[in-house]
N, C-alpha and C. Protein backbone atom coordinates (compact mmCIF):
# COMPACT_ATOMS: atom_id res chain seq x y z
N MET A 1 0.86 -1.17 0.02
CA MET A 1 0.10 0.04 0.02
C MET A 1 0.40 0.93 -0.10
N LEU A 2 0.44 1.94 -0.72
CA LEU A 2 1.26 3.17 -0.59
C LEU A 2 0.99 4.80 0.31
N ASP A 3 1.88 4.80 0.79
CA ASP A 3 1.99 6.17 1.52
C ASP A 3 1.78 7.59 1.00
N ARG A 4 0.90 7.80 0.52
CA ARG A 4 -0.17 9.11 -0.57
C ARG A 4 1.25 10.23 0.50
N ASP A 5 1.41 10.14 1.38
CA ASP A 5 2.11 11.34 2.18
C ASP A 5 2.87 11.52 1.70
N LYS A 6 3.83 10.98 1.61
CA LYS A 6 5.46 10.49 1.27
C LYS A 6 6.13 10.56 -0.13
N ILE A 7 4.76 10.98 -0.95
CA ILE A 7 4.86 11.07 -2.63
C ILE A 7 5.11 12.36 -3.04
N ARG A 8 6.04 13.12 -3.11
CA ARG A 8 6.08 14.47 -3.56
C ARG A 8 5.91 14.76 -4.69
N GLU A 9 5.46 16.22 -5.15
CA GLU A 9 5.20 16.89 -6.92
C GLU A 9 6.54 17.03 -7.48
N GLY A 10 6.34 16.29 -8.72
CA GLY A 10 7.74 16.12 -9.62
C GLY A 10 6.72 17.20 -10.57
N LEU A 11 7.97 17.81 -11.48
CA LEU A 11 7.42 18.49 -12.79
C LEU A 11 8.20 18.01 -13.70
N THR A 12 7.33 18.61 -14.86
CA THR A 12 7.99 18.12 -16.30
C THR A 12 7.95 18.92 -17.12
N PHE A 13 8.57 18.68 -18.45
CA PHE A 13 9.07 20.14 -19.19
C PHE A 13 8.31 21.01 -19.34
N ASP A 14 6.70 20.23 -19.50
CA ASP A 14 5.79 20.81 -19.95
C ASP A 14 5.35 22.05 -18.63
N ASP A 15 5.31 21.82 -17.30
CA ASP A 15 5.33 22.22 -16.75
C ASP A 15 5.88 23.41 -15.71
N VAL A 16 7.25 23.97 -16.81
CA VAL A 16 8.12 25.02 -16.13
C VAL A 16 8.11 26.04 -17.45
N LEU A 17 8.08 27.39 -17.39
CA LEU A 17 8.56 27.96 -18.27
C LEU A 17 9.44 28.95 -18.05
N LEU A 18 10.72 29.06 -18.76
CA LEU A 18 11.80 30.07 -18.09
C LEU A 18 11.91 31.35 -19.19
N LEU A 19 12.03 32.04 -18.36
CA LEU A 19 11.90 33.49 -19.25
C LEU A 19 13.48 33.83 -18.78
N PRO A 20 14.13 34.55 -20.06
CA PRO A 20 15.24 35.27 -20.05
C PRO A 20 14.60 36.71 -19.13
N ALA A 21 15.69 36.52 -18.31
CA ALA A 21 15.67 37.97 -17.13
C ALA A 21 16.99 37.94 -16.51
N HIS A 22 17.36 39.23 -15.91
CA HIS A 22 18.31 39.29 -14.74
C HIS A 22 18.49 38.86 -13.64
N SER A 23 19.30 38.37 -13.33
CA SER A 23 19.26 37.90 -12.33
C SER A 23 20.82 38.02 -11.40
N THR A 24 20.74 38.01 -9.52
CA THR A 24 22.08 38.57 -9.11
C THR A 24 22.34 36.95 -8.45
N VAL A 25 21.76 35.86 -8.96
CA VAL A 25 22.22 35.34 -8.42
C VAL A 25 23.18 34.54 -9.22
N LEU A 26 24.40 34.35 -8.94
CA LEU A 26 25.74 33.69 -9.24
C LEU A 26 25.50 32.90 -9.94
N PRO A 27 26.26 31.81 -11.44
CA PRO A 27 25.62 30.18 -11.33
C PRO A 27 26.25 29.44 -10.47
N LYS A 28 27.89 29.83 -9.88
CA LYS A 28 28.33 29.09 -9.12
C LYS A 28 27.74 28.92 -7.52
N GLU A 29 26.46 29.73 -7.32
CA GLU A 29 25.78 29.63 -6.22
C GLU A 29 24.87 28.74 -6.31
N VAL A 30 24.29 28.50 -7.44
CA VAL A 30 23.55 27.37 -7.82
C VAL A 30 23.65 26.03 -7.53
N ASP A 31 22.11 25.08 -6.80
CA ASP A 31 22.81 23.80 -6.60
C ASP A 31 21.73 23.64 -7.22
N LEU A 32 21.57 22.25 -7.62
CA LEU A 32 20.01 21.48 -8.69
C LEU A 32 20.51 20.29 -8.37
N SER A 33 21.12 19.91 -7.77
CA SER A 33 20.82 18.47 -7.03
C SER A 33 19.60 18.51 -6.45
N THR A 34 19.75 16.83 -6.75
CA THR A 34 18.24 16.47 -5.83
C THR A 34 18.72 14.61 -5.68
N HIS A 35 17.34 14.09 -5.32
CA HIS A 35 17.62 12.95 -4.32
C HIS A 35 16.65 12.32 -5.46
N LEU A 36 16.86 11.10 -6.44
CA LEU A 36 16.13 10.18 -7.07
C LEU A 36 15.51 9.11 -5.98
N THR A 37 16.14 8.88 -4.98
CA THR A 37 15.87 7.83 -3.87
C THR A 37 16.67 8.21 -2.61
N ALA A 38 16.55 7.93 -1.52
CA ALA A 38 17.12 7.97 -0.56
C ALA A 38 18.66 7.82 -0.53
N ALA A 39 18.89 6.86 -1.60
CA ALA A 39 20.53 6.41 -1.70
C ALA A 39 20.87 7.01 -3.08
N VAL A 40 20.06 7.59 -3.47
CA VAL A 40 20.63 7.91 -5.26
C VAL A 40 20.56 9.45 -5.24
N LYS A 41 21.85 10.12 -5.18
CA LYS A 41 21.76 11.29 -5.56
C LYS A 41 21.89 11.97 -6.68
N LEU A 42 21.57 12.77 -7.62
CA LEU A 42 21.75 12.99 -8.77
C LEU A 42 22.42 15.12 -8.51
N ASN A 43 23.65 14.90 -9.41
CA ASN A 43 24.07 16.06 -9.73
C ASN A 43 23.14 17.11 -10.29
N THR A 44 22.86 16.60 -11.44
CA THR A 44 21.64 17.45 -12.20
C THR A 44 20.48 16.93 -12.35
N PRO A 45 19.38 17.68 -11.99
CA PRO A 45 18.09 16.73 -12.63
C PRO A 45 17.29 16.54 -13.70
N LEU A 46 18.04 15.80 -14.34
CA LEU A 46 17.43 15.15 -15.69
C LEU A 46 18.00 14.10 -15.44
N LEU A 47 17.02 13.09 -15.98
CA LEU A 47 16.44 11.73 -16.56
C LEU A 47 16.52 11.30 -17.69
N SER A 48 17.24 10.43 -18.27
CA SER A 48 16.62 10.00 -19.70
C SER A 48 15.76 8.67 -19.29
N ALA A 49 15.34 8.63 -20.52
CA ALA A 49 14.42 6.92 -20.83
C ALA A 49 15.18 5.97 -20.64
N ALA A 50 15.03 4.83 -20.05
CA ALA A 50 15.90 3.57 -20.21
C ALA A 50 15.64 2.77 -21.27
N MET A 51 15.44 3.47 -22.58
CA MET A 51 15.75 2.82 -23.76
C MET A 51 16.80 3.03 -24.49
N ASP A 52 16.90 1.86 -25.45
CA ASP A 52 18.00 2.01 -26.19
C ASP A 52 17.49 2.72 -27.32
N THR A 53 16.55 3.06 -27.69
CA THR A 53 16.24 3.75 -29.29
C THR A 53 16.55 5.24 -28.45
N VAL A 54 16.25 5.64 -27.17
CA VAL A 54 15.71 7.12 -26.99
C VAL A 54 16.94 7.55 -26.58
N THR A 55 17.84 6.77 -25.47
CA THR A 55 19.15 7.26 -25.08
C THR A 55 20.25 6.36 -25.28
N GLU A 56 21.50 6.73 -26.37
CA GLU A 56 21.98 5.51 -26.64
C GLU A 56 23.25 5.90 -25.68
N SER A 57 24.12 5.09 -25.67
CA SER A 57 25.00 4.74 -24.64
C SER A 57 25.78 5.40 -24.61
N ARG A 58 26.46 6.44 -25.40
CA ARG A 58 27.39 7.61 -25.47
C ARG A 58 26.66 8.94 -23.96
N THR A 59 24.87 8.60 -24.74
CA THR A 59 24.39 9.63 -23.45
C THR A 59 24.09 9.58 -22.83
N ALA A 60 24.14 7.74 -22.28
CA ALA A 60 23.92 7.64 -20.76
C ALA A 60 25.39 7.33 -19.85
N ILE A 61 26.17 7.71 -20.88
CA ILE A 61 27.73 7.46 -20.02
C ILE A 61 28.25 9.03 -19.42
N CYS A 62 28.01 10.37 -20.65
CA CYS A 62 27.75 11.40 -20.39
C CYS A 62 27.15 11.50 -19.02
N MET A 63 25.59 11.23 -18.74
CA MET A 63 25.18 11.53 -18.00
C MET A 63 25.35 11.43 -16.66
N ALA A 64 25.77 9.63 -16.70
CA ALA A 64 26.62 9.21 -15.50
C ALA A 64 27.70 10.27 -15.17
N ARG A 65 28.38 10.37 -15.89
CA ARG A 65 29.38 11.40 -15.11
C ARG A 65 29.19 12.66 -15.02
N GLU A 66 28.65 13.00 -14.99
CA GLU A 66 27.70 14.07 -14.82
C GLU A 66 27.31 14.18 -12.89
N GLY A 67 26.89 12.54 -12.61
CA GLY A 67 25.85 12.19 -11.15
C GLY A 67 24.64 12.75 -11.48
């Protein structure tokens, strides 16, 4: 049985719109890391489909190196 209180909201590309604008935040101050699971931390909040027709090995290796 799922504990619905533990399921957090997630966003996809269609949920977010980034507009160009001036910012006082420096790129080196930004932390985009997130946790996929309690034991798996991602340095970049991007996932690719686990399908060889969508994600080639070169892409998977590149993403893994980024964390």
